[in-house]
């Protein structure tokens, strides 16, 4: 046990102390932040704060009022100026007073027809701001509760047929969490598995194994390496989750995204109970591939197939959301390689029978233990073979 612990600590430190590990940890939040910055910058570059004009020949917008600025609004709505005729609006636009003008048709209430006159400097926000301005003023004089409801829209609640499950449509975190956790899971598995796979193959190629096995058993060496590299991936995953929690706490105070929905503790425990054993199972299986491969390039090509089934539920997200109890949804939530993403996603939209949850977690735990045993067995068989692959069948033949 002490030797396994020493190998575990050494393997963990060896990767964590590298500059590439720090870069890998920071790459995800920096990439997300960069993409958000690019999005905001794109909107800002196409935003024009100059006023817009409008010609209302049907006198629908009498005594029109400007839109009230929202709290923490990054790009406030522009001012709308009324003109008596199109000629005066055109002159104002040519003089640079307004960036564009709109003409409401005489039969606007029946057709909704609006003509927009613009030039190259007109911002992309002009048409949207004018649409909000028209709606806001057409609702003036109506009771405030009606104005609020028509402006904000309906709060759709999705309820299962048996009435045991409800979810509000604006609970975006509930929908995004399984998908994001699945993406992070695949990234962490690839990182941990790649570390383990490369370490095993490189030590085989450099014949370091011949020295190591004189002091420790192959099982001790492989378990230490597997657990050490798994902790490397979990460390990255934990740091990314910490960044996400901080972002969810800070961003609502800076941007108007509304209140962050709350997630039930039982759901988080379900995610942990499925992701952790699946994490061990896949990474250990990739370690077994590294122990059987003759060279690192061959091992990396084979290991890539382990992550393909994990991604499958992401392509069926809509189907799982609308039909969580269909044969496809249930099948993917029970199959070990697709369960880490499919089961939590399905649990968001229906009450999963307890026996299914227990079955999935039990199978994942058993497969994780089996993958650890198999990686140790394949490592023992392949540690002194150079330039020759070890067949999977040999592990079970020697185990008899």
Protein backbone atom coordinates (compact mmCIF):
# COMPACT_ATOMS: atom_id res chain seq x y z
CA UNK A 1 0.00 0.00 0.00
CA UNK A 2 2.86 2.36 0.84
CA UNK A 3 4.50 1.74 -2.55
CA UNK A 4 1.23 2.39 -4.34
CA UNK A 5 0.87 5.64 -2.40
CA UNK A 6 4.41 6.75 -3.34
CA UNK A 7 3.75 6.04 -7.01
CA UNK A 8 0.43 7.89 -6.76
CA UNK A 9 2.04 10.99 -5.21
CA UNK A 10 4.96 10.98 -7.65
CA UNK A 11 2.68 10.60 -10.66
CA UNK A 12 0.44 13.42 -9.48
CA UNK A 13 3.29 15.82 -8.72
CA UNK A 14 5.05 15.01 -11.98
CA UNK A 15 2.13 16.35 -14.01
CA UNK A 16 0.84 19.08 -11.71
CA UNK A 17 4.22 20.78 -11.46
CA UNK A 18 4.50 21.19 -15.22
CA UNK A 19 3.81 24.54 -16.87
CA UNK A 20 1.61 22.76 -19.39
CA UNK A 21 -0.71 21.69 -16.56
CA UNK A 22 -1.16 25.29 -15.39
CA UNK A 23 -1.81 26.31 -18.98
CA UNK A 24 -4.35 23.50 -19.32
CA UNK A 25 -6.21 24.61 -16.18
CA UNK A 26 -6.37 28.23 -17.27
CA UNK A 27 -7.11 27.47 -20.92
CA UNK A 28 -10.79 26.63 -20.40
CA UNK A 29 -11.86 29.71 -18.35
CA UNK A 30 -9.65 31.93 -20.51
CA UNK A 31 -11.20 30.50 -23.66
CA UNK A 32 -14.74 31.00 -22.33
CA UNK A 33 -13.88 34.53 -21.20
CA UNK A 34 -12.29 35.25 -24.58
CA UNK A 35 -15.39 34.05 -26.44
CA UNK A 36 -17.65 36.20 -24.23
CA UNK A 37 -15.35 39.18 -24.80
CA UNK A 38 -15.43 38.60 -28.57
CA UNK A 39 -19.24 38.44 -28.46
CA UNK A 40 -19.54 41.67 -26.46
CA UNK A 41 -16.95 43.37 -28.66
CA UNK A 42 -18.80 42.30 -31.81
CA UNK A 43 -22.06 43.79 -30.53
CA UNK A 44 -20.27 46.95 -29.37
CA UNK A 45 -18.60 47.50 -32.75
CA UNK A 46 -21.98 47.21 -34.49
CA UNK A 47 -23.80 49.35 -31.90
CA UNK A 48 -24.74 52.94 -32.72
CA UNK A 49 -25.96 55.16 -29.90
CA UNK A 50 -27.21 57.95 -32.20
CA UNK A 51 -30.98 58.60 -32.18
CA UNK A 52 -33.38 57.10 -34.69
CA UNK A 53 -36.32 58.81 -36.35
CA UNK A 54 -39.80 57.74 -37.29
CA UNK A 55 -42.73 59.03 -39.34
CA UNK A 56 -46.16 58.15 -37.95
CA UNK A 57 -48.76 59.21 -40.52
CA UNK A 58 -51.51 57.21 -38.79
CA UNK A 59 -50.86 58.91 -35.42
CA UNK A 60 -50.56 55.68 -33.47
CA UNK A 61 -47.71 56.96 -31.31
CA UNK A 62 -49.23 60.12 -29.91
CA UNK A 63 -47.28 61.58 -26.94
CA UNK A 64 -44.78 58.76 -27.28
CA UNK A 65 -42.43 58.12 -24.37
CA UNK A 66 -38.87 56.87 -24.54
CA UNK A 67 -37.94 53.42 -23.27
CA UNK A 68 -36.80 53.35 -19.68
CA UNK A 69 -33.20 52.12 -19.32
CA UNK A 70 -32.86 48.74 -17.62
CA UNK A 71 -30.58 48.16 -14.68
CA UNK A 72 -27.02 47.08 -15.67
CA UNK A 73 -27.90 47.41 -19.37
CA UNK A 74 -24.69 47.33 -21.41
CA UNK A 75 -26.21 48.76 -24.58
CA UNK A 76 -29.16 51.06 -23.75
CA UNK A 77 -31.93 51.65 -26.27
CA UNK A 78 -31.45 54.70 -28.45
CA UNK A 79 -33.74 57.74 -28.45
CA UNK A 80 -36.56 57.80 -31.03
CA UNK A 81 -37.42 61.21 -32.60
CA UNK A 82 -40.74 61.89 -34.32
CA UNK A 83 -40.82 63.65 -37.75
CA UNK A 84 -43.87 65.04 -39.53
CA UNK A 85 -42.80 63.87 -42.98
CA UNK A 86 -40.31 61.60 -44.67
CA UNK A 87 -38.57 64.61 -46.20
CA UNK A 88 -37.72 66.08 -42.79
CA UNK A 89 -36.54 62.69 -41.51
CA UNK A 90 -34.36 62.25 -44.61
CA UNK A 91 -32.84 65.72 -44.11
CA UNK A 92 -32.06 64.91 -40.47
CA UNK A 93 -30.40 61.67 -41.50
CA UNK A 94 -28.31 63.40 -44.15
CA UNK A 95 -27.25 65.98 -41.55
CA UNK A 96 -26.15 63.18 -39.20
CA UNK A 97 -28.74 63.94 -36.54
CA UNK A 98 -30.22 60.43 -36.72
CA UNK A 99 -28.72 57.12 -37.89
CA UNK A 100 -31.89 55.80 -39.57
CA UNK A 101 -35.61 56.45 -39.77
CA UNK A 102 -38.74 54.29 -39.92
CA UNK A 103 -42.05 54.88 -41.67
CA UNK A 104 -45.16 53.25 -40.16
CA UNK A 105 -47.69 52.34 -42.85
CA UNK A 106 -51.26 53.60 -42.67
CA UNK A 107 -52.51 50.05 -42.06
CA UNK A 108 -49.78 49.15 -39.56
CA UNK A 109 -52.19 47.62 -37.02
CA UNK A 110 -53.46 45.10 -39.57
CA UNK A 111 -50.26 44.40 -41.54
CA UNK A 112 -47.41 45.42 -39.18
CA UNK A 113 -45.65 46.97 -42.19
CA UNK A 114 -42.74 49.30 -41.37
CA UNK A 115 -40.23 50.76 -43.83
CA UNK A 116 -36.67 51.30 -42.62
CA UNK A 117 -34.32 53.75 -44.34
CA UNK A 118 -30.65 53.28 -43.40
CA UNK A 119 -27.09 53.79 -44.57
CA UNK A 120 -23.71 52.21 -43.89
CA UNK A 121 -23.33 53.77 -40.44
CA UNK A 122 -26.66 52.48 -39.11
CA UNK A 123 -26.14 50.17 -36.14
CA UNK A 124 -27.63 46.67 -35.95
CA UNK A 125 -29.48 47.75 -32.81
CA UNK A 126 -31.63 50.34 -34.61
CA UNK A 127 -34.43 48.07 -35.81
CA UNK A 128 -34.70 46.17 -32.53
CA UNK A 129 -34.75 49.35 -30.47
CA UNK A 130 -37.48 50.84 -32.63
CA UNK A 131 -39.57 47.68 -32.36
CA UNK A 132 -39.33 47.82 -28.58
CA UNK A 133 -40.20 51.53 -28.68
CA UNK A 134 -43.37 50.89 -30.73
CA UNK A 135 -44.56 48.04 -28.50
CA UNK A 136 -43.84 50.05 -25.36
CA UNK A 137 -45.96 53.00 -26.53
CA UNK A 138 -48.80 50.96 -27.98
CA UNK A 139 -49.21 49.44 -24.52
CA UNK A 140 -49.41 52.81 -22.79
CA UNK A 141 -52.68 53.28 -20.96
CA UNK A 142 -53.09 49.58 -20.35
CA UNK A 143 -52.95 48.23 -16.78
CA UNK A 144 -49.38 47.81 -15.59
CA UNK A 145 -49.73 44.07 -15.02
CA UNK A 146 -50.82 43.61 -18.65
CA UNK A 147 -47.92 45.75 -19.89
CA UNK A 148 -45.45 43.72 -17.84
CA UNK A 149 -46.85 40.39 -18.93
CA UNK A 150 -46.92 41.24 -22.64
CA UNK A 151 -43.41 42.73 -22.46
CA UNK A 152 -41.83 39.86 -20.57
CA UNK A 153 -43.83 37.07 -22.21
CA UNK A 154 -45.13 33.88 -20.65
CA UNK A 155 -43.27 31.89 -18.00
CA UNK A 156 -43.71 28.43 -19.50
CA UNK A 157 -43.66 25.54 -17.02
CA UNK A 158 -42.97 22.09 -18.44
CA UNK A 159 -44.77 19.36 -16.48
CA UNK A 160 -44.53 15.61 -16.94
CA UNK A 161 -47.69 13.66 -17.80
CA UNK A 162 -47.90 12.09 -14.34
CA UNK A 163 -47.47 15.51 -12.70
CA UNK A 164 -44.43 14.45 -10.68
CA UNK A 165 -41.89 16.65 -12.47
CA UNK A 166 -41.93 20.37 -13.27
CA UNK A 167 -39.34 22.73 -14.72
CA UNK A 168 -39.63 26.38 -15.70
CA UNK A 169 -38.56 27.25 -19.23
CA UNK A 170 -36.32 30.08 -17.98
CA UNK A 171 -34.39 27.68 -15.75
CA UNK A 172 -31.53 27.71 -18.24
CA UNK A 173 -29.02 26.32 -15.75
CA UNK A 174 -30.99 23.08 -15.42
CA UNK A 175 -30.76 22.51 -19.14
CA UNK A 176 -27.17 23.63 -19.56
CA UNK A 177 -25.69 21.89 -16.52
CA UNK A 178 -25.84 18.29 -17.82
CA UNK A 179 -24.50 19.38 -21.21
CA UNK A 180 -21.67 21.47 -19.74
CA UNK A 181 -20.78 18.77 -17.23
CA UNK A 182 -20.69 16.24 -20.06
CA UNK A 183 -18.34 18.40 -22.10
CA UNK A 184 -16.07 19.00 -19.10
CA UNK A 185 -16.21 15.29 -18.30
CA UNK A 186 -14.97 14.37 -21.76
CA UNK A 187 -12.19 16.95 -21.59
CA UNK A 188 -11.07 15.75 -18.16
CA UNK A 189 -11.18 12.09 -19.23
CA UNK A 190 -9.15 12.83 -22.33
CA UNK A 191 -6.57 14.73 -20.31
CA UNK A 192 -6.25 12.08 -17.58
CA UNK A 193 -6.35 9.19 -20.02
CA UNK A 194 -3.82 10.83 -22.30
CA UNK A 195 -1.45 11.46 -19.39
CA UNK A 196 -1.74 7.85 -18.27
CA UNK A 197 -1.52 6.42 -21.76
CA UNK A 198 1.58 8.44 -22.65
CA UNK A 199 3.28 7.70 -19.33
CA UNK A 200 2.81 3.94 -19.70
CA UNK A 201 3.90 3.79 -23.34
CA UNK A 202 6.89 6.10 -22.85
CA UNK A 203 8.15 4.10 -19.87
CA UNK A 204 7.78 0.91 -21.88
CA UNK A 205 9.71 2.38 -24.78
CA UNK A 206 12.48 3.73 -22.52
CA UNK A 207 12.59 0.41 -20.60
CA UNK A 208 12.04 2.20 -17.28
CA UNK A 209 9.59 -0.58 -16.48
CA UNK A 210 12.39 -3.08 -16.11
CA UNK A 211 13.78 -1.06 -13.20
CA UNK A 212 10.43 -0.23 -11.58
CA UNK A 213 9.13 -3.78 -11.45
CA UNK A 214 12.12 -4.86 -9.37
CA UNK A 215 10.72 -2.81 -6.48
CA UNK A 216 6.95 -2.88 -6.96
CA UNK A 217 4.43 -5.28 -8.43
CA UNK A 218 2.79 -4.42 -11.77
CA UNK A 219 -0.58 -4.07 -10.03
CA UNK A 220 0.81 -1.60 -7.48
CA UNK A 221 2.52 0.38 -10.22
CA UNK A 222 -0.54 0.52 -12.46
CA UNK A 223 -2.99 1.38 -9.66
CA UNK A 224 -0.71 4.16 -8.46
CA UNK A 225 -0.39 5.55 -11.97
CA UNK A 226 -4.10 5.30 -12.69
CA UNK A 227 -5.15 7.01 -9.47
CA UNK A 228 -2.45 9.67 -9.80
CA UNK A 229 -3.45 10.59 -13.33
CA UNK A 230 -7.13 10.45 -12.42
CA UNK A 231 -6.50 12.98 -9.67
CA UNK A 232 -4.76 15.20 -12.22
CA UNK A 233 -7.91 15.24 -14.33
CA UNK A 234 -10.14 15.71 -11.29
CA UNK A 235 -7.98 18.63 -10.17
CA UNK A 236 -8.54 20.35 -13.49
CA UNK A 237 -12.24 19.57 -13.33
CA UNK A 238 -12.50 20.93 -9.77
CA UNK A 239 -10.73 24.16 -10.73
CA UNK A 240 -13.04 24.65 -13.72
CA UNK A 241 -16.09 24.05 -11.51
CA UNK A 242 -14.72 26.60 -9.03
CA UNK A 243 -14.33 29.13 -11.84
CA UNK A 244 -17.92 28.41 -12.94
CA UNK A 245 -19.26 28.91 -9.40
CA UNK A 246 -17.39 32.20 -9.06
CA UNK A 247 -18.72 33.31 -12.45
CA UNK A 248 -22.31 32.48 -11.47
CA UNK A 249 -21.86 34.53 -8.30
CA UNK A 250 -20.18 37.54 -9.92
CA UNK A 251 -21.73 37.84 -13.40
CA UNK A 252 -25.36 38.48 -12.25
CA UNK A 253 -24.13 41.51 -10.31
CA UNK A 254 -22.51 42.93 -13.45
CA UNK A 255 -24.79 41.86 -16.28
CA UNK A 256 -28.62 41.72 -16.58
CA UNK A 257 -28.92 37.92 -16.86
CA UNK A 258 -31.42 37.62 -14.04
CA UNK A 259 -31.25 35.46 -10.97
CA UNK A 260 -29.23 32.27 -11.26
CA UNK A 261 -31.55 29.25 -10.88
CA UNK A 262 -30.89 26.91 -7.99
CA UNK A 263 -29.97 23.26 -8.44
CA UNK A 264 -31.13 20.59 -6.00
CA UNK A 265 -28.45 18.86 -3.94
CA UNK A 266 -29.86 15.44 -4.86
CA UNK A 267 -29.25 16.19 -8.53
CA UNK A 268 -25.63 17.20 -7.88
CA UNK A 269 -25.11 13.97 -5.93
CA UNK A 270 -26.56 11.97 -8.83
CA UNK A 271 -24.13 13.64 -11.22
CA UNK A 272 -21.18 12.90 -8.94
CA UNK A 273 -22.27 9.28 -8.44
CA UNK A 274 -22.35 8.67 -12.20
CA UNK A 275 -19.43 10.81 -13.38
CA UNK A 276 -16.79 9.66 -10.87
CA UNK A 277 -16.93 5.88 -11.50
CA UNK A 278 -17.30 6.51 -15.22
CA UNK A 279 -14.24 8.74 -15.01
CA UNK A 280 -12.23 5.93 -13.39
CA UNK A 281 -13.60 3.35 -15.83
CA UNK A 282 -12.69 5.23 -19.02
CA UNK A 283 -9.31 6.51 -17.85
CA UNK A 284 -8.26 3.09 -16.56
CA UNK A 285 -9.39 1.50 -19.83
CA UNK A 286 -7.22 3.99 -21.70
CA UNK A 287 -4.36 3.00 -19.40
CA UNK A 288 -4.93 -0.63 -20.35
CA UNK A 289 -4.71 0.38 -24.00
CA UNK A 290 -1.40 2.07 -23.28
CA UNK A 291 -0.13 -1.11 -21.66
CA UNK A 292 -1.06 -3.21 -24.69
CA UNK A 293 0.10 -0.88 -27.46
CA UNK A 294 3.48 -1.20 -29.07
CA UNK A 295 3.99 2.55 -29.54
CA UNK A 296 2.40 5.83 -28.38
CA UNK A 297 0.89 6.77 -31.75
CA UNK A 298 -0.97 3.48 -31.96
CA UNK A 299 -2.24 3.86 -28.37
CA UNK A 300 -3.57 7.37 -28.99
CA UNK A 301 -5.47 6.23 -32.08
CA UNK A 302 -7.15 3.39 -30.19
CA UNK A 303 -7.89 5.44 -27.06
CA UNK A 304 -9.86 8.00 -29.06
CA UNK A 305 -12.65 5.45 -29.55
CA UNK A 306 -13.40 5.42 -25.81
CA UNK A 307 -14.72 8.99 -25.83
CA UNK A 308 -16.92 8.67 -28.93
CA UNK A 309 -19.80 6.81 -27.16
CA UNK A 310 -19.73 9.33 -24.30
CA UNK A 311 -20.53 12.13 -26.77
CA UNK A 312 -23.56 10.38 -28.31
CA UNK A 313 -26.19 11.72 -25.81
CA UNK A 314 -25.17 15.29 -26.69
CA UNK A 315 -26.50 14.72 -30.22
CA UNK A 316 -29.84 13.55 -28.79
CA UNK A 317 -30.29 16.31 -26.20
CA UNK A 318 -33.57 17.53 -27.70
CA UNK A 319 -34.96 13.99 -27.94
CA UNK A 320 -34.09 13.29 -24.29
CA UNK A 321 -35.63 16.60 -23.18
CA UNK A 322 -38.97 16.03 -24.90
CA UNK A 323 -39.12 12.23 -24.50
CA UNK A 324 -37.17 11.36 -21.33
CA UNK A 325 -38.92 7.99 -20.96
CA UNK A 326 -38.60 6.81 -24.54
CA UNK A 327 -36.71 3.63 -25.36
CA UNK A 328 -33.80 5.69 -26.73
CA UNK A 329 -33.53 7.88 -23.62
CA UNK A 330 -33.81 4.96 -21.19
CA UNK A 331 -31.37 2.87 -23.21
CA UNK A 332 -28.70 5.59 -23.27
CA UNK A 333 -29.16 6.27 -19.55
CA UNK A 334 -28.57 2.57 -18.77
CA UNK A 335 -25.67 1.92 -21.13
CA UNK A 336 -22.41 2.48 -19.16
CA UNK A 337 -20.58 4.59 -21.75
CA UNK A 338 -23.50 6.94 -22.44
CA UNK A 339 -24.98 6.99 -18.90
CA UNK A 340 -22.63 9.70 -17.47
CA UNK A 341 -24.35 12.32 -19.66
CA UNK A 342 -27.69 10.73 -20.53
CA UNK A 343 -28.75 9.84 -16.96
CA UNK A 344 -28.31 13.35 -15.40
CA UNK A 345 -29.86 14.96 -18.48
CA UNK A 346 -32.86 12.65 -18.32
CA UNK A 347 -33.21 13.23 -14.57
CA UNK A 348 -33.86 16.91 -15.27
CA UNK A 349 -37.10 16.12 -17.09
CA UNK A 350 -38.52 13.04 -15.39
CA UNK A 351 -38.39 11.04 -12.18
CA UNK A 352 -36.10 8.11 -12.89
CA UNK A 353 -37.00 4.86 -11.08
CA UNK A 354 -34.68 4.19 -8.16
CA UNK A 355 -33.79 0.74 -9.46
CA UNK A 356 -32.44 2.24 -12.68
CA UNK A 357 -30.22 4.70 -10.77
CA UNK A 358 -28.91 1.95 -8.48
CA UNK A 359 -28.32 -0.34 -11.46
CA UNK A 360 -26.36 2.28 -13.42
CA UNK A 361 -24.18 3.34 -10.49
CA UNK A 362 -23.50 -0.29 -9.50
CA UNK A 363 -22.53 -1.25 -13.05
CA UNK A 364 -20.29 1.80 -13.40
CA UNK A 365 -18.52 1.03 -10.11
CA UNK A 366 -18.02 -2.64 -11.07
CA UNK A 367 -16.69 -1.64 -14.48
CA UNK A 368 -14.35 0.88 -12.86
CA UNK A 369 -12.91 -1.84 -10.62
CA UNK A 370 -12.68 -4.21 -13.59
CA UNK A 371 -10.90 -1.56 -15.68
CA UNK A 372 -8.35 -1.05 -12.90
CA UNK A 373 -7.78 -4.80 -12.67
CA UNK A 374 -7.54 -5.13 -16.45
CA UNK A 375 -5.06 -2.28 -16.77
CA UNK A 376 -2.84 -3.93 -14.14
CA UNK A 377 -3.13 -7.31 -15.86
CA UNK A 378 -2.36 -5.94 -19.31
CA UNK A 379 0.52 -3.95 -17.90
CA UNK A 380 2.00 -7.10 -16.37
CA UNK A 381 1.76 -8.93 -19.70
CA UNK A 382 3.06 -6.11 -21.84
CA UNK A 383 5.70 -4.47 -19.63
CA UNK A 384 8.60 -6.43 -21.17
CA UNK A 385 7.27 -6.62 -24.71
CA UNK A 386 8.80 -4.06 -27.05
CA UNK A 387 7.48 -3.56 -30.55
CA UNK A 388 4.75 -6.17 -30.05
CA UNK A 389 1.11 -5.71 -29.08
CA UNK A 390 -0.58 -7.62 -26.28
CA UNK A 391 -3.97 -9.07 -27.18
CA UNK A 392 -6.88 -8.54 -24.83
CA UNK A 393 -7.66 -12.25 -24.90
CA UNK A 394 -4.31 -13.01 -23.28
CA UNK A 395 -5.30 -11.19 -20.06
CA UNK A 396 -8.13 -13.62 -19.45
CA UNK A 397 -6.19 -16.68 -20.57
CA UNK A 398 -3.43 -15.97 -18.07
CA UNK A 399 -5.98 -15.20 -15.34
CA UNK A 400 -7.38 -18.73 -15.42
